[in-house]
């Protein structure tokens, strides 16, 4: 895992399609995945907000061992305030996204706000050159296999 001195949080504001980085808090250095997403949600999300409104926060946090060579360590947690329970709900997945984020020293992606036009679609492009919010209207309604072929 990259050292805490270079770790950072990526904030994405969907209202104005801007991104920014903040330093990763030293006191959170042992958190990852579900624990980190819960910590960020407790800090960033008003518990009384509408789960389907612009004040809810979506957090994507790689697991603590993501970015290492440990077997099955490529985990990522995606969490937000649940419209069903009004508590924190989290899903967990394996694969490359968590590994790639940790290799870029991104400990979590925090998505806030809501686009002005609910019909528009956006994607997030992250690579070693930087981060950008990009239009993704061309992908609307595509099935997974067709989408993957077009993206790759």
Protein backbone atom coordinates (compact mmCIF):
# COMPACT_ATOMS: atom_id res chain seq x y z
CA UNK A 1 0.00 0.00 0.00
CA UNK A 2 1.38 3.46 -0.81
CA UNK A 3 2.53 5.49 2.17
CA UNK A 4 0.13 7.90 3.89
CA UNK A 5 2.28 10.90 2.92
CA UNK A 6 1.05 10.71 -0.69
CA UNK A 7 -2.43 9.33 -0.14
CA UNK A 8 -5.36 11.53 -1.01
CA UNK A 9 -9.13 11.77 -1.30
CA UNK A 10 -10.65 12.58 -4.68
CA UNK A 11 -13.75 14.80 -4.50
CA UNK A 12 -16.08 14.95 -7.50
CA UNK A 13 -18.72 17.70 -7.60
CA UNK A 14 -21.43 16.65 -10.04
CA UNK A 15 -23.21 20.01 -9.79
CA UNK A 16 -20.43 21.79 -11.69
CA UNK A 17 -18.45 18.75 -12.94
CA UNK A 18 -15.28 19.71 -11.06
CA UNK A 19 -12.78 17.53 -9.23
CA UNK A 20 -10.29 18.22 -6.46
CA UNK A 21 -7.89 16.34 -4.24
CA UNK A 22 -7.54 16.64 -0.47
CA UNK A 23 -4.83 15.06 1.67
CA UNK A 24 -5.79 11.78 3.29
CA UNK A 25 -6.13 12.34 7.07
CA UNK A 26 -3.32 10.68 9.03
CA UNK A 27 -5.78 9.46 11.67
CA UNK A 28 -7.59 7.42 9.01
CA UNK A 29 -4.48 5.58 7.75
CA UNK A 30 -5.67 2.18 9.04
CA UNK A 31 -9.10 2.50 7.40
CA UNK A 32 -10.11 1.21 4.01
CA UNK A 33 -13.13 -0.22 2.24
CA UNK A 34 -16.29 -0.35 4.32
CA UNK A 35 -14.72 1.31 7.37
CA UNK A 36 -13.39 4.21 5.33
CA UNK A 37 -16.62 4.69 3.38
CA UNK A 38 -18.59 4.76 6.66
CA UNK A 39 -16.15 7.28 8.16
CA UNK A 40 -16.42 9.57 5.15
CA UNK A 41 -20.22 9.26 5.02
CA UNK A 42 -20.50 10.15 8.71
CA UNK A 43 -18.31 13.21 8.13
CA UNK A 44 -19.69 14.41 4.78
CA UNK A 45 -23.37 13.42 4.73
CA UNK A 46 -26.12 15.04 6.80
CA UNK A 47 -28.02 12.15 8.44
CA UNK A 48 -31.34 13.88 7.70
CA UNK A 49 -30.68 14.36 3.97
CA UNK A 50 -32.89 12.85 1.29
CA UNK A 51 -31.10 9.65 0.15
CA UNK A 52 -32.11 10.38 -3.45
CA UNK A 53 -31.29 14.09 -3.24
CA UNK A 54 -28.19 16.13 -4.04
CA UNK A 55 -26.96 16.17 -0.43
CA UNK A 56 -26.33 12.42 -0.31
CA UNK A 57 -22.73 11.37 -0.87
CA UNK A 58 -21.44 8.38 -2.85
CA UNK A 59 -18.14 6.96 -1.62
CA UNK A 60 -15.93 4.46 -3.43
CA UNK A 61 -13.10 3.22 -1.21
CA UNK A 62 -10.53 0.53 -2.01
CA UNK A 63 -9.88 -2.04 0.70
CA UNK A 64 -6.94 -1.71 3.08
CA UNK A 65 -4.89 -4.32 1.17
CA UNK A 66 -5.75 -3.04 -2.30
CA UNK A 67 -2.67 -2.03 -4.22
CA UNK A 68 -0.62 -4.82 -2.65
CA UNK A 69 0.26 -8.26 -3.99
CA UNK A 70 -1.81 -10.04 -1.33
CA UNK A 71 -4.11 -12.65 -2.91
CA UNK A 72 -7.68 -11.43 -3.54
CA UNK A 73 -6.77 -7.98 -2.19
CA UNK A 74 -8.36 -6.02 -5.03
CA UNK A 75 -11.55 -5.06 -3.23
CA UNK A 76 -13.55 -1.85 -3.40
CA UNK A 77 -16.45 -0.67 -1.25
CA UNK A 78 -19.19 1.58 -2.62
CA UNK A 79 -21.40 3.23 -0.03
CA UNK A 80 -24.06 5.91 0.42
CA UNK A 81 -27.13 6.69 2.50
CA UNK A 82 -29.73 4.07 1.64
CA UNK A 83 -33.20 5.10 0.40
CA UNK A 84 -34.52 1.83 1.87
CA UNK A 85 -33.11 1.99 5.41
CA UNK A 86 -31.95 5.64 5.66
CA UNK A 87 -28.74 4.24 7.14
CA UNK A 88 -25.39 3.64 5.51
CA UNK A 89 -25.53 0.90 2.90
CA UNK A 90 -22.46 -0.55 1.26
CA UNK A 91 -21.67 -2.94 -1.56
CA UNK A 92 -18.35 -4.65 -2.11
CA UNK A 93 -16.73 -5.83 -5.32
CA UNK A 94 -13.46 -7.36 -6.42
CA UNK A 95 -11.32 -6.78 -9.46
CA UNK A 96 -9.01 -4.12 -10.77
CA UNK A 97 -10.62 -0.77 -9.80
CA UNK A 98 -9.46 -0.87 -6.18
CA UNK A 99 -5.96 -1.90 -7.22
CA UNK A 100 -5.70 0.88 -9.79
CA UNK A 101 -6.96 3.58 -7.41
CA UNK A 102 -4.46 2.61 -4.72
CA UNK A 103 -1.61 2.64 -7.23
CA UNK A 104 -2.59 6.26 -7.98
CA UNK A 105 -2.61 6.99 -4.20
CA UNK A 106 -6.39 7.57 -4.27
CA UNK A 107 -7.79 6.19 -1.01
CA UNK A 108 -11.39 7.15 -1.83
CA UNK A 109 -13.57 8.87 -4.39
CA UNK A 110 -16.27 11.08 -2.83
CA UNK A 111 -19.05 12.10 -5.23
CA UNK A 112 -21.29 15.00 -4.21
CA UNK A 113 -24.00 17.09 -5.81
CA UNK A 114 -26.34 16.44 -8.69
CA UNK A 115 -26.12 17.50 -12.36
CA UNK A 116 -28.52 20.26 -13.41
CA UNK A 117 -29.88 18.11 -16.24
CA UNK A 118 -31.00 14.68 -14.97
CA UNK A 119 -31.03 13.33 -18.55
CA UNK A 120 -27.29 13.88 -19.04
CA UNK A 121 -24.83 11.07 -18.29
CA UNK A 122 -21.27 11.50 -17.07
CA UNK A 123 -18.23 9.35 -16.55
CA UNK A 124 -15.10 9.86 -14.51
CA UNK A 125 -11.76 9.51 -16.30
CA UNK A 126 -8.87 8.79 -13.93
CA UNK A 127 -5.32 8.13 -15.03
CA UNK A 128 -1.75 9.13 -14.23
CA UNK A 129 -2.30 12.45 -16.07
CA UNK A 130 -5.22 13.56 -13.91
CA UNK A 131 -8.95 13.36 -13.36
CA UNK A 132 -11.84 14.71 -15.42
CA UNK A 133 -15.60 14.43 -15.59
CA UNK A 134 -16.53 13.52 -19.17
CA UNK A 135 -19.82 13.40 -21.06
CA UNK A 136 -21.14 9.86 -21.39
CA UNK A 137 -24.48 10.33 -23.15
CA UNK A 138 -23.35 7.95 -25.92
CA UNK A 139 -23.37 5.08 -23.42
CA UNK A 140 -26.92 5.56 -22.14
CA UNK A 141 -28.97 2.37 -22.37
CA UNK A 142 -26.10 0.14 -23.48
CA UNK A 143 -25.81 -3.41 -22.19
CA UNK A 144 -22.66 -4.39 -20.28
CA UNK A 145 -20.85 -6.32 -23.03
CA UNK A 146 -21.47 -3.65 -25.66
CA UNK A 147 -20.43 -0.92 -23.22
CA UNK A 148 -17.18 -2.70 -22.34
CA UNK A 149 -16.35 -3.15 -26.03
CA UNK A 150 -16.93 0.53 -26.70
CA UNK A 151 -14.93 1.69 -23.66
CA UNK A 152 -11.97 -0.56 -24.38
